[in-house]
Structure formats: structure tokens, C-alpha cells
Amino acid sequence: MELFDALPAPIRTAINDAGFEFVPRFAAKLLARGVSADRAAEIIRETDLRLMRKGGAA
């Protein structure tokens, strides 16, 4: 929970709005690689949409 609370607001919102459960560690890894908070949130939303289309299979 501490990791989630430490994430930027756009990422927390994207994780909360996602239909599938995303672990905060996924976003933390994106940020560690130099991805901006807005882009990381976009990646989470795109991944969630892709998972929904495939019925939950990655």
C-alpha cells in the first residue's frame, strides 16, 4: 500500500480505473526506466483495454 500511495496521481487514477488488477510494482518499474507519469498511466490504460479485449489473457 505504501508503494501505491507513493505513485503520482495520474498513475494511481489509472490503476484504480482499470478493470483488471495492476500491481503498483508494474508502475514503479516503468518510472524507474524513465517513463513519465503520464505515459505510464497511458500504458496502464492501454494494457487494461487490451486485456479486456482478450478476455483477461495477456
PDB file of N, CA and C in Angstrom:
ATOM      1  N   MET A   1       0.815  -1.187   0.000  1.00  0.00           N
ATOM      2  CA  MET A   1       0.000   0.000   0.000  1.00  0.00           C
ATOM      3  C   MET A   1       0.864   1.258   0.000  1.00  0.00           C
ATOM      4  N   GLU A   2       2.006   1.199   0.663  1.00  0.00           N
ATOM      5  CA  GLU A   2       2.895   2.360   0.698  1.00  0.00           C
ATOM      6  C   GLU A   2       3.395   2.704  -0.695  1.00  0.00           C
ATOM      7  N   LEU A   3       3.700   1.681  -1.490  1.00  0.00           N
ATOM      8  CA  LEU A   3       4.178   1.922  -2.849  1.00  0.00           C
ATOM      9  C   LEU A   3       3.086   2.595  -3.674  1.00  0.00           C
ATOM     10  N   PHE A   4       1.863   2.124  -3.547  1.00  0.00           N
ATOM     11  CA  PHE A   4       0.746   2.723  -4.275  1.00  0.00           C
ATOM     12  C   PHE A   4       0.585   4.191  -3.895  1.00  0.00           C
ATOM     13  N   ASP A   5       0.643   4.484  -2.613  1.00  0.00           N
ATOM     14  CA  ASP A   5       0.486   5.865  -2.140  1.00  0.00           C
ATOM     15  C   ASP A   5       1.617   6.770  -2.619  1.00  0.00           C
ATOM     16  N   ALA A   6       2.776   6.202  -2.890  1.00  0.00           N
ATOM     17  CA  ALA A   6       3.925   6.989  -3.334  1.00  0.00           C
ATOM     18  C   ALA A   6       3.888   7.289  -4.835  1.00  0.00           C
ATOM     19  N   LEU A   7       3.014   6.626  -5.577  1.00  0.00           N
ATOM     20  CA  LEU A   7       2.932   6.836  -7.025  1.00  0.00           C
ATOM     21  C   LEU A   7       2.270   8.176  -7.335  1.00  0.00           C
ATOM     22  N   PRO A   8       2.625   8.775  -8.482  1.00  0.00           N
ATOM     23  CA  PRO A   8       1.982  10.026  -8.889  1.00  0.00           C
ATOM     24  C   PRO A   8       0.474   9.830  -9.113  1.00  0.00           C
ATOM     25  N   ALA A   9      -0.274  10.893  -8.947  1.00  0.00           N
ATOM     26  CA  ALA A   9      -1.737  10.842  -9.043  1.00  0.00           C
ATOM     27  C   ALA A   9      -2.260  10.247 -10.356  1.00  0.00           C
ATOM     28  N   PRO A  10      -1.701  10.604 -11.536  1.00  0.00           N
ATOM     29  CA  PRO A  10      -2.238  10.021 -12.775  1.00  0.00           C
ATOM     30  C   PRO A  10      -2.127   8.491 -12.812  1.00  0.00           C
ATOM     31  N   ILE A  11      -1.067   7.972 -12.239  1.00  0.00           N
ATOM     32  CA  ILE A  11      -0.872   6.522 -12.228  1.00  0.00           C
ATOM     33  C   ILE A  11      -1.843   5.866 -11.253  1.00  0.00           C
ATOM     34  N   ARG A  12      -2.011   6.456 -10.087  1.00  0.00           N
ATOM     35  CA  ARG A  12      -2.969   5.899  -9.115  1.00  0.00           C
ATOM     36  C   ARG A  12      -4.374   5.881  -9.704  1.00  0.00           C
ATOM     37  N   THR A  13      -4.736   6.942 -10.411  1.00  0.00           N
ATOM     38  CA  THR A  13      -6.053   7.008 -11.039  1.00  0.00           C
ATOM     39  C   THR A  13      -6.206   5.923 -12.095  1.00  0.00           C
ATOM     40  N   ALA A  14      -5.186   5.732 -12.924  1.00  0.00           N
ATOM     41  CA  ALA A  14      -5.248   4.706 -13.969  1.00  0.00           C
ATOM     42  C   ALA A  14      -5.376   3.313 -13.364  1.00  0.00           C
ATOM     43  N   ILE A  15      -4.654   3.049 -12.286  1.00  0.00           N
ATOM     44  CA  ILE A  15      -4.734   1.739 -11.628  1.00  0.00           C
ATOM     45  C   ILE A  15      -6.119   1.547 -11.020  1.00  0.00           C
ATOM     46  N   ASN A  16      -6.650   2.584 -10.384  1.00  0.00           N
ATOM     47  CA  ASN A  16      -7.980   2.480  -9.772  1.00  0.00           C
ATOM     48  C   ASN A  16      -9.078   2.287 -10.807  1.00  0.00           C
ATOM     49  N   ASP A  17      -8.940   2.919 -11.971  1.00  0.00           N
ATOM     50  CA  ASP A  17      -9.966   2.842 -13.010  1.00  0.00           C
ATOM     51  C   ASP A  17      -9.876   1.572 -13.845  1.00  0.00           C
ATOM     52  N   ALA A  18      -8.776   0.869 -13.752  1.00  0.00           N
ATOM     53  CA  ALA A  18      -8.565  -0.326 -14.578  1.00  0.00           C
ATOM     54  C   ALA A  18      -9.537  -1.437 -14.191  1.00  0.00           C
ATOM     55  N   GLY A  19      -9.970  -2.174 -15.201  1.00  0.00           N
ATOM     56  CA  GLY A  19     -10.859  -3.307 -14.960  1.00  0.00           C
ATOM     57  C   GLY A  19     -10.125  -4.503 -14.385  1.00  0.00           C
ATOM     58  N   PHE A  20      -8.835  -4.574 -14.631  1.00  0.00           N
ATOM     59  CA  PHE A  20      -8.005  -5.658 -14.113  1.00  0.00           C
ATOM     60  C   PHE A  20      -7.083  -5.105 -13.041  1.00  0.00           C
ATOM     61  N   GLU A  21      -6.659  -5.963 -12.158  1.00  0.00           N
ATOM     62  CA  GLU A  21      -5.814  -5.526 -11.047  1.00  0.00           C
ATOM     63  C   GLU A  21      -4.366  -5.369 -11.510  1.00  0.00           C
ATOM     64  N   PHE A  22      -3.844  -4.182 -11.347  1.00  0.00           N
ATOM     65  CA  PHE A  22      -2.445  -3.910 -11.661  1.00  0.00           C
ATOM     66  C   PHE A  22      -1.698  -3.713 -10.351  1.00  0.00           C
ATOM     67  N   VAL A  23      -0.569  -4.363 -10.213  1.00  0.00           N
ATOM     68  CA  VAL A  23       0.230  -4.179  -9.004  1.00  0.00           C
ATOM     69  C   VAL A  23       1.024  -2.881  -9.139  1.00  0.00           C
ATOM     70  N   PRO A  24       1.161  -2.129  -8.073  1.00  0.00           N
ATOM     71  CA  PRO A  24       1.906  -0.869  -8.122  1.00  0.00           C
ATOM     72  C   PRO A  24       3.351  -1.059  -8.587  1.00  0.00           C
ATOM     73  N   ARG A  25       3.901  -2.245  -8.365  1.00  0.00           N
ATOM     74  CA  ARG A  25       5.277  -2.534  -8.780  1.00  0.00           C
ATOM     75  C   ARG A  25       5.438  -2.362 -10.297  1.00  0.00           C
ATOM     76  N   PHE A  26       4.380  -2.677 -11.076  1.00  0.00           N
ATOM     77  CA  PHE A  26       4.416  -2.510 -12.532  1.00  0.00           C
ATOM     78  C   PHE A  26       4.674  -1.041 -12.885  1.00  0.00           C
ATOM     79  N   ALA A  27       3.943  -0.145 -12.244  1.00  0.00           N
ATOM     80  CA  ALA A  27       4.119   1.286 -12.497  1.00  0.00           C
ATOM     81  C   ALA A  27       5.474   1.772 -11.993  1.00  0.00           C
ATOM     82  N   ALA A  28       5.905   1.254 -10.852  1.00  0.00           N
ATOM     83  CA  ALA A  28       7.200   1.660 -10.296  1.00  0.00           C
ATOM     84  C   ALA A  28       8.336   1.276 -11.240  1.00  0.00           C
ATOM     85  N   LYS A  29       8.227   0.116 -11.870  1.00  0.00           N
ATOM     86  CA  LYS A  29       9.255  -0.309 -12.828  1.00  0.00           C
ATOM     87  C   LYS A  29       9.274   0.610 -14.044  1.00  0.00           C
ATOM     88  N   LEU A  30       8.091   1.017 -14.512  1.00  0.00           N
ATOM     89  CA  LEU A  30       8.036   1.946 -15.644  1.00  0.00           C
ATOM     90  C   LEU A  30       8.710   3.267 -15.283  1.00  0.00           C
ATOM     91  N   LEU A  31       8.403   3.780 -14.103  1.00  0.00           N
ATOM     92  CA  LEU A  31       9.006   5.044 -13.664  1.00  0.00           C
ATOM     93  C   LEU A  31      10.517   4.909 -13.512  1.00  0.00           C
ATOM     94  N   ALA A  32      10.976   3.772 -13.019  1.00  0.00           N
ATOM     95  CA  ALA A  32      12.415   3.543 -12.841  1.00  0.00           C
ATOM     96  C   ALA A  32      13.145   3.506 -14.179  1.00  0.00           C
ATOM     97  N   ARG A  33      12.428   3.123 -15.226  1.00  0.00           N
ATOM     98  CA  ARG A  33      13.024   3.088 -16.572  1.00  0.00           C
ATOM     99  C   ARG A  33      13.009   4.450 -17.251  1.00  0.00           C
ATOM    100  N   GLY A  34      12.469   5.457 -16.562  1.00  0.00           N
ATOM    101  CA  GLY A  34      12.477   6.807 -17.110  1.00  0.00           C
ATOM    102  C   GLY A  34      11.202   7.206 -17.828  1.00  0.00           C
ATOM    103  N   VAL A  35      10.172   6.390 -17.736  1.00  0.00           N
ATOM    104  CA  VAL A  35       8.892   6.712 -18.360  1.00  0.00           C
ATOM    105  C   VAL A  35       8.206   7.787 -17.513  1.00  0.00           C
ATOM    106  N   SER A  36       7.611   8.772 -18.162  1.00  0.00           N
ATOM    107  CA  SER A  36       6.927   9.829 -17.411  1.00  0.00           C
ATOM    108  C   SER A  36       5.667   9.275 -16.752  1.00  0.00           C
ATOM    109  N   ALA A  37       5.173   9.977 -15.760  1.00  0.00           N
ATOM    110  CA  ALA A  37       3.968   9.538 -15.040  1.00  0.00           C
ATOM    111  C   ALA A  37       2.766   9.481 -15.973  1.00  0.00           C
ATOM    112  N   ASP A  38       2.651  10.476 -16.858  1.00  0.00           N
ATOM    113  CA  ASP A  38       1.522  10.482 -17.792  1.00  0.00           C
ATOM    114  C   ASP A  38       1.601   9.321 -18.769  1.00  0.00           C
ATOM    115  N   ARG A  39       2.798   9.044 -19.264  1.00  0.00           N
ATOM    116  CA  ARG A  39       2.966   7.928 -20.205  1.00  0.00           C
ATOM    117  C   ARG A  39       2.733   6.597 -19.499  1.00  0.00           C
ATOM    118  N   ALA A  40       3.187   6.465 -18.269  1.00  0.00           N
ATOM    119  CA  ALA A  40       2.965   5.229 -17.514  1.00  0.00           C
ATOM    120  C   ALA A  40       1.471   4.997 -17.312  1.00  0.00           C
ATOM    121  N   ALA A  41       0.730   6.054 -17.001  1.00  0.00           N
ATOM    122  CA  ALA A  41      -0.724   5.930 -16.843  1.00  0.00           C
ATOM    123  C   ALA A  41      -1.367   5.510 -18.159  1.00  0.00           C
ATOM    124  N   GLU A  42      -0.876   6.064 -19.260  1.00  0.00           N
ATOM    125  CA  GLU A  42      -1.392   5.703 -20.581  1.00  0.00           C
ATOM    126  C   GLU A  42      -1.105   4.231 -20.892  1.00  0.00           C
ATOM    127  N   ILE A  43       0.078   3.761 -20.558  1.00  0.00           N
ATOM    128  CA  ILE A  43       0.442   2.356 -20.779  1.00  0.00           C
ATOM    129  C   ILE A  43      -0.482   1.444 -19.978  1.00  0.00           C
ATOM    130  N   ILE A  44      -0.775   1.820 -18.748  1.00  0.00           N
ATOM    131  CA  ILE A  44      -1.672   1.014 -17.911  1.00  0.00           C
ATOM    132  C   ILE A  44      -3.064   0.969 -18.532  1.00  0.00           C
ATOM    133  N   ARG A  45      -3.561   2.115 -18.998  1.00  0.00           N
ATOM    134  CA  ARG A  45      -4.893   2.138 -19.628  1.00  0.00           C
ATOM    135  C   ARG A  45      -4.915   1.306 -20.906  1.00  0.00           C
ATOM    136  N   GLU A  46      -3.865   1.413 -21.730  1.00  0.00           N
ATOM    137  CA  GLU A  46      -3.798   0.635 -22.971  1.00  0.00           C
ATOM    138  C   GLU A  46      -3.725  -0.859 -22.680  1.00  0.00           C
ATOM    139  N   THR A  47      -2.939  -1.235 -21.694  1.00  0.00           N
ATOM    140  CA  THR A  47      -2.814  -2.642 -21.314  1.00  0.00           C
ATOM    141  C   THR A  47      -4.144  -3.170 -20.800  1.00  0.00           C
ATOM    142  N   ASP A  48      -4.826  -2.387 -19.998  1.00  0.00           N
ATOM    143  CA  ASP A  48      -6.125  -2.794 -19.475  1.00  0.00           C
ATOM    144  C   ASP A  48      -7.114  -3.008 -20.618  1.00  0.00           C
ATOM    145  N   LEU A  49      -7.133  -2.108 -21.582  1.00  0.00           N
ATOM    146  CA  LEU A  49      -8.033  -2.236 -22.728  1.00  0.00           C
ATOM    147  C   LEU A  49      -7.714  -3.493 -23.524  1.00  0.00           C
ATOM    148  N   ARG A  50      -6.432  -3.756 -23.731  1.00  0.00           N
ATOM    149  CA  ARG A  50      -6.012  -4.952 -24.466  1.00  0.00           C
ATOM    150  C   ARG A  50      -6.433  -6.221 -23.722  1.00  0.00           C
ATOM    151  N   LEU A  51      -6.278  -6.222 -22.398  1.00  0.00           N
ATOM    152  CA  LEU A  51      -6.679  -7.381 -21.600  1.00  0.00           C
ATOM    153  C   LEU A  51      -8.188  -7.597 -21.663  1.00  0.00           C
ATOM    154  N   MET A  52      -8.949  -6.514 -21.662  1.00  0.00           N
ATOM    155  CA  MET A  52     -10.407  -6.637 -21.735  1.00  0.00           C
ATOM    156  C   MET A  52     -10.822  -7.246 -23.070  1.00  0.00           C
ATOM    157  N   ARG A  53     -10.160  -6.850 -24.144  1.00  0.00           N
ATOM    158  CA  ARG A  53     -10.480  -7.390 -25.471  1.00  0.00           C
ATOM    159  C   ARG A  53     -10.161  -8.871 -25.565  1.00  0.00           C
ATOM    160  N   LYS A  54      -9.121  -9.301 -24.865  1.00  0.00           N
ATOM    161  CA  LYS A  54      -8.704 -10.703 -24.918  1.00  0.00           C
ATOM    162  C   LYS A  54      -9.374 -11.539 -23.840  1.00  0.00           C
ATOM    163  N   GLY A  55     -10.247 -10.945 -23.086  1.00  0.00           N
ATOM    164  CA  GLY A  55     -10.938 -11.692 -22.043  1.00  0.00           C
ATOM    165  C   GLY A  55     -10.083 -11.986 -20.830  1.00  0.00           C
ATOM    166  N   GLY A  56      -9.066 -11.179 -20.612  1.00  0.00           N
ATOM    167  CA  GLY A  56      -8.242 -11.335 -19.417  1.00  0.00           C
ATOM    168  C   GLY A  56      -6.943 -12.064 -19.639  1.00  0.00           C
ATOM    169  N   ALA A  57      -6.710 -12.559 -20.839  1.00  0.00           N
ATOM    170  CA  ALA A  57      -5.453 -13.263 -21.119  1.00  0.00           C
ATOM    171  C   ALA A  57      -4.447 -12.270 -21.678  1.00  0.00           C
ATOM    172  N   ALA A  58      -3.283 -12.245 -21.100  1.00  0.00           N
ATOM    173  CA  ALA A  58      -2.242 -11.325 -21.571  1.00  0.00           C
ATOM    174  C   ALA A  58      -1.548 -11.890 -22.792  1.00  0.00           C
TER     175      ALA A  58
END
